[in-house]
C-alpha atoms as a PDB file:
ATOM      1  CA  THR A   1      79.875 122.743 100.973  1.00  0.00           C
ATOM      2  CA  THR A   2      82.223 119.828 101.148  1.00  0.00           C
ATOM      3  CA  SER A   3      84.899 119.429  98.520  1.00  0.00           C
ATOM      4  CA  PHE A   4      87.161 116.494  97.825  1.00  0.00           C
ATOM      5  CA  VAL A   5      90.662 117.227  96.552  1.00  0.00           C
ATOM      6  CA  TYR A   6      93.240 114.630  95.573  1.00  0.00           C
ATOM      7  CA  PRO A   7      96.562 114.804  93.708  1.00  0.00           C
ATOM      8  CA  ARG A   8      96.500 113.783  90.090  1.00  0.00           C
ATOM      9  CA  ARG A   9      99.546 111.710  89.263  1.00  0.00           C
ATOM     10  CA  GLU A  10     100.874 111.782  85.736  1.00  0.00           C
ATOM     11  CA  PRO A  11     103.923 109.983  84.324  1.00  0.00           C
ATOM     12  CA  LEU A  12     107.019 112.085  83.720  1.00  0.00           C
ATOM     13  CA  GLY A  13     107.938 110.274  80.517  1.00  0.00           C
ATOM     14  CA  VAL A  14     111.394 108.738  80.344  1.00  0.00           C
ATOM     15  CA  VAL A  15     113.338 108.259  83.573  1.00  0.00           C
ATOM     16  CA  ALA A  16     117.064 107.478  83.722  1.00  0.00           C
ATOM     17  CA  GLY A  17     118.916 105.482  86.370  1.00  0.00           C
ATOM     18  CA  ILE A  18     122.570 104.645  86.939  1.00  0.00           C
ATOM     19  CA  GLY A  19     123.548 101.506  88.837  1.00  0.00           C
ATOM     20  CA  ALA A  20     126.568 100.655  90.930  1.00  0.00           C
ATOM     21  CA  TRP A  21     128.617  97.464  91.191  1.00  0.00           C
ATOM     22  CA  ASN A  22     127.600  96.704  94.783  1.00  0.00           C
ATOM     23  CA  TYR A  23     124.008  95.513  95.289  1.00  0.00           C
ATOM     24  CA  PRO A  24     123.222  95.575  91.547  1.00  0.00           C
ATOM     25  CA  ILE A  25     119.722  94.082  91.701  1.00  0.00           C
ATOM     26  CA  GLN A  26     118.675  96.005  94.787  1.00  0.00           C
ATOM     27  CA  ILE A  27     119.753  99.355  93.331  1.00  0.00           C
ATOM     28  CA  ALA A  28     118.117  98.582  89.982  1.00  0.00           C
ATOM     29  CA  LEU A  29     114.842  97.682  91.725  1.00  0.00           C
ATOM     30  CA  TRP A  30     114.919 100.797  93.918  1.00  0.00           C
ATOM     31  CA  LYS A  31     115.085 102.917  90.790  1.00  0.00           C
ATOM     32  CA  SER A  32     113.002 100.975  88.287  1.00  0.00           C
ATOM     33  CA  ALA A  33     110.036  99.693  90.310  1.00  0.00           C
ATOM     34  CA  PRO A  34     108.610 103.105  91.311  1.00  0.00           C
ATOM     35  CA  ALA A  35     109.266 104.542  87.851  1.00  0.00           C
ATOM     36  CA  LEU A  36     107.513 101.691  86.057  1.00  0.00           C
ATOM     37  CA  ALA A  37     104.651 101.632  88.576  1.00  0.00           C
ATOM     38  CA  ALA A  38     104.025 105.320  87.866  1.00  0.00           C
ATOM     39  CA  GLY A  39     103.820 104.623  84.135  1.00  0.00           C
ATOM     40  CA  ASN A  40     107.206 105.955  83.076  1.00  0.00           C
ATOM     41  CA  ALA A  41     109.641 104.440  80.623  1.00  0.00           C
ATOM     42  CA  MET A  42     112.996 103.539  82.170  1.00  0.00           C
ATOM     43  CA  ILE A  43     116.533 103.713  80.825  1.00  0.00           C
ATOM     44  CA  PHE A  44     118.996 102.061  83.189  1.00  0.00           C
ATOM     45  CA  LYS A  45     122.776 102.050  82.809  1.00  0.00           C
ATOM     46  CA  PRO A  46     124.274  99.259  84.898  1.00  0.00           C
ATOM     47  CA  SER A  47     127.851  98.966  86.050  1.00  0.00           C
ATOM     48  CA  GLU A  48     130.186  97.341  83.540  1.00  0.00           C
ATOM     49  CA  VAL A  49     130.982  94.695  86.149  1.00  0.00           C
ATOM     50  CA  THR A  50     127.366  93.602  86.729  1.00  0.00           C
ATOM     51  CA  SER A  51     125.621  94.039  83.396  1.00  0.00           C
ATOM     52  CA  LEU A  52     124.291  90.448  83.292  1.00  0.00           C
ATOM     53  CA  THR A  53     122.262  90.940  86.456  1.00  0.00           C
ATOM     54  CA  THR A  54     120.439  93.837  84.823  1.00  0.00           C
ATOM     55  CA  LEU A  55     119.671  91.684  81.787  1.00  0.00           C
ATOM     56  CA  LYS A  56     118.152  89.056  84.083  1.00  0.00           C
ATOM     57  CA  LEU A  57     116.062  91.740  85.763  1.00  0.00           C
ATOM     58  CA  ALA A  58     114.823  92.912  82.357  1.00  0.00           C
ATOM     59  CA  GLU A  59     113.790  89.321  81.587  1.00  0.00           C
ATOM     60  CA  ILE A  60     111.800  89.241  84.818  1.00  0.00           C
ATOM     61  CA  TYR A  61     110.023  92.493  83.947  1.00  0.00           C
ATOM     62  CA  THR A  62     109.055  91.338  80.461  1.00  0.00           C
END
Protein backbone atom coordinates (compact mmCIF):
# COMPACT_ATOMS: atom_id res chain seq x y z
CA THR A 1 0.00 0.00 0.00
CA THR A 2 1.03 3.55 -0.60
CA SER A 3 0.69 6.08 2.18
CA PHE A 4 1.01 9.84 2.05
CA VAL A 5 2.44 11.59 5.11
CA TYR A 6 2.81 15.34 5.52
CA PRO A 7 3.57 17.58 8.51
CA ARG A 8 0.63 19.31 10.08
CA ARG A 9 1.52 22.88 10.96
CA GLU A 10 -0.24 24.52 13.86
CA PRO A 11 0.27 28.03 15.26
CA LEU A 12 2.22 28.30 18.50
CA GLY A 13 0.05 31.10 19.86
CA VAL A 14 1.80 34.29 20.88
CA VAL A 15 5.34 34.90 19.64
CA ALA A 16 7.66 37.57 21.05
CA GLY A 17 10.41 39.47 19.23
CA ILE A 18 12.98 42.03 20.30
CA GLY A 19 14.38 44.52 17.80
CA ALA A 20 17.68 46.33 17.61
CA TRP A 21 18.53 49.90 16.64
CA ASN A 22 20.40 48.96 13.46
CA TYR A 23 18.25 47.72 10.56
CA PRO A 24 14.98 48.23 12.46
CA ILE A 25 12.57 47.37 9.64
CA GLN A 26 14.59 44.45 8.35
CA ILE A 27 14.87 42.84 11.79
CA ALA A 28 11.18 43.42 12.51
CA LEU A 29 10.22 41.80 9.19
CA TRP A 30 12.53 38.83 9.74
CA LYS A 31 10.74 38.11 12.99
CA SER A 32 7.16 39.12 12.28
CA ALA A 33 6.52 37.90 8.72
CA PRO A 34 7.05 34.16 9.38
CA ALA A 35 5.19 34.34 12.69
CA LEU A 36 2.16 36.06 11.17
CA ALA A 37 2.20 33.81 8.10
CA ALA A 38 2.03 30.77 10.39
CA GLY A 39 -1.02 32.20 12.14
CA ASN A 40 0.61 33.36 15.36
CA ALA A 41 0.02 36.58 17.24
CA MET A 42 3.12 38.76 17.53
CA ILE A 43 4.40 40.99 20.31
CA PHE A 44 7.39 43.03 19.18
CA LYS A 45 9.51 45.28 21.40
CA PRO A 46 11.44 47.74 19.26
CA SER A 47 14.51 49.68 20.26
CA GLU A 48 13.80 52.95 22.06
CA VAL A 49 15.71 54.76 19.32
CA THR A 50 13.62 53.41 16.42
CA SER A 51 10.12 52.98 17.79
CA LEU A 52 8.46 55.05 15.03
CA THR A 53 9.63 52.67 12.32
CA THR A 54 7.85 49.82 14.08
CA LEU A 55 4.66 51.88 14.25
CA LYS A 56 4.87 52.45 10.49
CA LEU A 57 5.34 48.73 9.96
CA ALA A 58 2.25 48.03 12.08
CA GLU A 59 0.29 50.45 9.88
CA ILE A 60 1.42 48.52 6.81
CA TYR A 61 0.30 45.21 8.34
CA THR A 62 -3.14 46.50 9.27
